[in-house]
């Protein structure tokens, strides 16, 4: 690509970055029926980086020494217009959702196992000292459908036209809901819900793959969860940046 073409491309991209700066957190998703008492959740940004959280009062954290990750639920995943607009088949959507669910469970397990000071041992069966983490993916929008960055790079500048803003502004997104359950009593002791869009990048090469941007969000959630486990209640877990300089 010639220098003049690059300058033109970045001049078109830069206003998008300015727009993104005005909204550092995506809008929350509507509550699904996965969390039956979701009305209890509130924003608690002094501690948690999620849209909504509820934690039972007077929990003795020391009584728990184990954590189990349940299979991630995708039965509450509503079909969205972004998938329909791509004319993807039903079996493709189901396979994609299953793949992301498995990736999510693996990401949380990996984060717990790699946490140098994780206070909870990862187990496969619950006991009286186990916290069971149940997660549900309630929204999933593939990033390639929105961004198509490779197409922008290879497309002749004369063909960019008015569609470039749509191609750059569009993002993938994922919404998750979760609850922590006492392994013995089965009582829900904490709930959370969050929605994140894929990060804005100068040229988002991660959008060349269907869900790479989504997977980054899941990995961030897993790391934040481990940080919450490893830190006192007064510690603030920061939200991740909406912008990255790494275009992959």
Protein backbone atom coordinates (compact mmCIF):
# COMPACT_ATOMS: atom_id res chain seq x y z
CA UNK A 1 0.00 0.00 0.00
CA UNK A 2 1.36 3.44 -0.95
CA UNK A 3 2.04 6.15 1.65
CA UNK A 4 -0.80 8.34 0.39
CA UNK A 5 -3.22 5.43 0.67
CA UNK A 6 -2.10 4.70 4.23
CA UNK A 7 -2.53 8.34 5.21
CA UNK A 8 -6.02 8.34 3.75
CA UNK A 9 -6.93 5.16 5.57
CA UNK A 10 -5.74 6.44 8.96
CA UNK A 11 -7.45 9.78 8.42
CA UNK A 12 -10.68 7.84 8.06
CA UNK A 13 -9.95 5.61 11.04
CA UNK A 14 -8.91 8.31 13.52
CA UNK A 15 -12.40 9.84 14.01
CA UNK A 16 -13.59 6.40 15.06
CA UNK A 17 -10.99 6.31 17.86
CA UNK A 18 -12.20 9.71 19.09
CA UNK A 19 -15.75 8.40 19.13
CA UNK A 20 -14.68 5.31 21.08
CA UNK A 21 -12.98 7.47 23.69
CA UNK A 22 -16.35 8.90 24.68
CA UNK A 23 -17.64 5.48 25.72
CA UNK A 24 -15.16 3.51 27.80
CA UNK A 25 -17.61 0.76 28.77
CA UNK A 26 -20.15 -0.94 26.53
CA UNK A 27 -23.81 -0.82 27.44
CA UNK A 28 -24.95 -3.66 29.71
CA UNK A 29 -26.98 -6.53 28.31
CA UNK A 30 -30.51 -7.24 29.44
CA UNK A 31 -30.72 -9.78 32.24
CA UNK A 32 -31.56 -13.30 31.17
CA UNK A 33 -33.45 -15.81 33.32
CA UNK A 34 -30.21 -17.64 34.15
CA UNK A 35 -29.86 -15.55 37.31
CA UNK A 36 -33.23 -15.83 39.03
CA UNK A 37 -32.54 -13.02 41.48
CA UNK A 38 -30.73 -10.70 39.08
CA UNK A 39 -32.65 -7.71 40.48
CA UNK A 40 -30.35 -7.86 43.50
CA UNK A 41 -27.29 -6.93 41.45
CA UNK A 42 -25.92 -3.41 41.37
CA UNK A 43 -22.88 -1.66 39.95
CA UNK A 44 -19.99 -1.85 42.44
CA UNK A 45 -17.04 -0.41 40.56
CA UNK A 46 -15.10 0.34 43.73
CA UNK A 47 -14.34 -3.40 43.81
CA UNK A 48 -15.61 -5.19 40.71
CA UNK A 49 -14.99 -4.40 37.01
CA UNK A 50 -18.37 -5.81 35.95
CA UNK A 51 -21.63 -4.08 35.07
CA UNK A 52 -23.59 -5.66 37.93
CA UNK A 53 -22.66 -7.64 41.04
CA UNK A 54 -24.31 -9.08 44.13
CA UNK A 55 -22.45 -10.71 47.02
CA UNK A 56 -24.08 -12.22 50.07
CA UNK A 57 -23.14 -10.40 53.23
CA UNK A 58 -21.12 -11.96 56.04
CA UNK A 59 -19.47 -14.63 53.91
CA UNK A 60 -16.55 -16.38 55.57
CA UNK A 61 -14.14 -16.67 52.67
CA UNK A 62 -11.81 -18.87 54.72
CA UNK A 63 -14.34 -21.69 54.73
CA UNK A 64 -13.68 -22.24 51.02
CA UNK A 65 -10.45 -23.78 49.79
CA UNK A 66 -11.62 -25.22 46.45
CA UNK A 67 -13.34 -24.06 43.28
CA UNK A 68 -15.04 -26.02 40.52
CA UNK A 69 -15.86 -24.63 37.05
CA UNK A 70 -19.16 -26.02 35.77
CA UNK A 71 -19.76 -26.48 32.01
CA UNK A 72 -20.62 -23.09 30.53
CA UNK A 73 -24.33 -22.70 29.76
CA UNK A 74 -25.31 -21.53 26.26
CA UNK A 75 -29.03 -22.36 26.41
CA UNK A 76 -29.87 -18.71 27.21
CA UNK A 77 -27.98 -17.43 24.18
CA UNK A 78 -30.50 -15.50 22.12
CA UNK A 79 -30.11 -15.49 18.36
CA UNK A 80 -29.18 -12.01 17.19
CA UNK A 81 -29.57 -10.05 13.97
CA UNK A 82 -25.81 -9.84 13.45
CA UNK A 83 -25.62 -13.59 12.88
CA UNK A 84 -28.76 -13.61 10.77
CA UNK A 85 -27.40 -10.85 8.57
CA UNK A 86 -24.45 -13.08 7.64
CA UNK A 87 -26.79 -15.88 6.56
CA UNK A 88 -25.01 -18.40 8.75
CA UNK A 89 -26.61 -21.79 9.18
CA UNK A 90 -28.14 -22.92 12.45
CA UNK A 91 -25.62 -25.72 12.87
CA UNK A 92 -22.78 -23.23 12.37
CA UNK A 93 -24.15 -20.97 15.11
CA UNK A 94 -24.56 -23.87 17.49
CA UNK A 95 -21.03 -25.10 16.82
CA UNK A 96 -19.60 -21.61 17.34
CA UNK A 97 -21.44 -21.15 20.63
CA UNK A 98 -20.27 -24.55 21.88
CA UNK A 99 -16.68 -23.75 20.91
CA UNK A 100 -16.72 -20.43 22.80
CA UNK A 101 -18.34 -22.10 25.82
CA UNK A 102 -15.55 -24.67 25.96
CA UNK A 103 -12.94 -21.95 25.47
CA UNK A 104 -14.48 -19.98 28.36
CA UNK A 105 -14.34 -22.91 30.78
CA UNK A 106 -10.75 -23.66 29.75
CA UNK A 107 -9.75 -20.00 30.12
CA UNK A 108 -11.06 -19.87 33.69
CA UNK A 109 -9.37 -23.14 34.58
CA UNK A 110 -6.10 -21.97 33.05
CA UNK A 111 -6.24 -18.66 34.92
CA UNK A 112 -6.84 -20.44 38.21
CA UNK A 113 -4.05 -22.95 37.62
CA UNK A 114 -1.55 -20.30 36.54
CA UNK A 115 -2.41 -17.86 39.33
CA UNK A 116 0.77 -17.77 41.39
CA UNK A 117 -1.11 -17.06 44.60
CA UNK A 118 -4.53 -18.51 43.88
CA UNK A 119 -6.28 -19.14 47.18
CA UNK A 120 -8.61 -21.78 45.77
CA UNK A 121 -7.61 -25.21 44.48
CA UNK A 122 -9.24 -26.22 41.20
CA UNK A 123 -11.28 -29.42 41.59
CA UNK A 124 -13.62 -31.51 39.43
CA UNK A 125 -16.04 -32.56 42.19
CA UNK A 126 -17.65 -30.32 44.83
CA UNK A 127 -17.33 -30.75 48.58
CA UNK A 128 -18.33 -28.76 51.66
CA UNK A 129 -15.30 -26.49 51.07
CA UNK A 130 -15.98 -25.89 47.36
CA UNK A 131 -17.26 -22.89 45.48
CA UNK A 132 -18.94 -23.87 42.22
CA UNK A 133 -18.70 -21.25 39.47
CA UNK A 134 -21.57 -21.45 36.99
CA UNK A 135 -21.35 -19.28 33.88
CA UNK A 136 -23.76 -18.56 31.04
CA UNK A 137 -23.04 -16.83 27.74
CA UNK A 138 -26.16 -14.81 26.94
CA UNK A 139 -24.94 -12.81 23.93
CA UNK A 140 -22.35 -13.57 21.27
CA UNK A 141 -21.55 -11.44 18.23
CA UNK A 142 -18.58 -12.58 16.12
CA UNK A 143 -15.99 -9.88 15.57
CA UNK A 144 -15.23 -10.73 11.95
CA UNK A 145 -18.81 -9.94 11.01
CA UNK A 146 -18.32 -6.43 12.35
CA UNK A 147 -14.78 -5.42 11.53
CA UNK A 148 -13.31 -7.22 8.52
CA UNK A 149 -9.97 -5.48 8.96
CA UNK A 150 -8.13 -7.61 6.42
CA UNK A 151 -10.62 -6.53 3.80
CA UNK A 152 -9.87 -2.90 4.65
CA UNK A 153 -6.16 -3.40 4.22
CA UNK A 154 -6.37 -5.17 0.86
CA UNK A 155 -9.26 -3.12 -0.53
CA UNK A 156 -8.24 -0.44 -3.06
CA UNK A 157 -8.64 3.01 -1.52
CA UNK A 158 -11.05 4.03 -4.28
CA UNK A 159 -13.48 1.35 -3.09
CA UNK A 160 -13.55 2.42 0.57
CA UNK A 161 -16.39 4.87 0.09
CA UNK A 162 -19.06 5.46 2.71
CA UNK A 163 -19.04 1.90 4.05
CA UNK A 164 -15.68 2.28 5.77
CA UNK A 165 -17.18 3.82 8.91
CA UNK A 166 -19.54 0.87 9.27
CA UNK A 167 -16.73 -1.60 8.81
CA UNK A 168 -14.52 0.07 11.42
CA UNK A 169 -17.20 0.99 13.96
CA UNK A 170 -18.81 -2.44 14.03
CA UNK A 171 -17.55 -4.65 16.86
CA UNK A 172 -17.95 -8.12 18.20
CA UNK A 173 -19.46 -8.48 21.67
CA UNK A 174 -20.09 -11.04 24.36
CA UNK A 175 -22.27 -10.96 27.46
CA UNK A 176 -21.78 -13.28 30.40
CA UNK A 177 -23.63 -14.00 33.61
CA UNK A 178 -22.21 -15.96 36.50
CA UNK A 179 -22.94 -17.18 40.00
CA UNK A 180 -20.95 -18.74 42.80
CA UNK A 181 -22.68 -21.58 44.62
CA UNK A 182 -21.82 -23.24 47.92
CA UNK A 183 -20.79 -26.79 47.06
CA UNK A 184 -22.62 -28.26 50.06
CA UNK A 185 -25.77 -26.20 50.57
CA UNK A 186 -26.18 -25.22 46.87
CA UNK A 187 -26.92 -21.68 48.03
CA UNK A 188 -26.03 -18.84 45.64
CA UNK A 189 -23.59 -16.57 47.44
CA UNK A 190 -22.58 -14.22 44.61
CA UNK A 191 -23.72 -13.17 41.13
CA UNK A 192 -22.32 -10.98 38.37
CA UNK A 193 -23.12 -9.89 34.83
CA UNK A 194 -20.96 -8.12 32.28
CA UNK A 195 -20.90 -7.22 28.61
CA UNK A 196 -17.83 -6.26 26.64
CA UNK A 197 -17.16 -5.30 23.05
CA UNK A 198 -13.99 -6.21 21.18
CA UNK A 199 -11.17 -3.74 21.65
CA UNK A 200 -10.62 -0.86 19.27
CA UNK A 201 -7.27 -1.13 17.47
CA UNK A 202 -5.47 0.89 14.74
CA UNK A 203 -6.03 -1.98 12.29
CA UNK A 204 -7.76 -4.86 14.01
CA UNK A 205 -6.07 -7.93 12.58
CA UNK A 206 -7.71 -10.00 15.32
CA UNK A 207 -10.96 -9.46 13.44
CA UNK A 208 -9.56 -11.65 10.67
CA UNK A 209 -10.54 -14.62 12.83
CA UNK A 210 -14.14 -15.18 13.83
CA UNK A 211 -13.78 -14.89 17.57
CA UNK A 212 -10.24 -13.80 18.45
CA UNK A 213 -11.45 -10.50 19.84
CA UNK A 214 -14.10 -12.32 21.87
CA UNK A 215 -11.55 -14.77 23.25
CA UNK A 216 -9.42 -11.87 24.53
CA UNK A 217 -12.43 -10.60 26.51
CA UNK A 218 -12.98 -14.05 28.02
CA UNK A 219 -9.33 -14.27 29.04
CA UNK A 220 -9.61 -10.85 30.68
CA UNK A 221 -12.68 -11.97 32.64
CA UNK A 222 -10.87 -15.07 33.83
CA UNK A 223 -7.86 -13.05 34.98
CA UNK A 224 -10.11 -10.56 36.78
CA UNK A 225 -11.91 -13.39 38.57
CA UNK A 226 -8.64 -14.80 39.86
CA UNK A 227 -7.60 -11.32 41.00
CA UNK A 228 -10.86 -10.98 42.92
CA UNK A 229 -10.23 -14.34 44.58
CA UNK A 230 -6.66 -13.43 45.55
CA UNK A 231 -7.30 -9.94 46.94
CA UNK A 232 -9.09 -8.46 49.97
CA UNK A 233 -12.52 -6.83 49.71
CA UNK A 234 -10.95 -3.36 49.75
CA UNK A 235 -8.94 -4.03 46.57
CA UNK A 236 -10.29 -2.53 43.34
CA UNK A 237 -10.01 -4.78 40.29
CA UNK A 238 -9.58 -2.49 37.31
CA UNK A 239 -11.54 -2.88 34.11
CA UNK A 240 -9.62 -3.65 30.94
CA UNK A 241 -8.87 -0.96 28.38
CA UNK A 242 -11.27 -0.48 25.47
CA UNK A 243 -8.29 0.25 23.21
CA UNK A 244 -5.20 -1.73 22.25
CA UNK A 245 -2.16 -0.82 20.18
CA UNK A 246 -1.64 -4.49 19.36
CA UNK A 247 -3.44 -5.19 16.04
CA UNK A 248 -3.83 -8.97 16.56
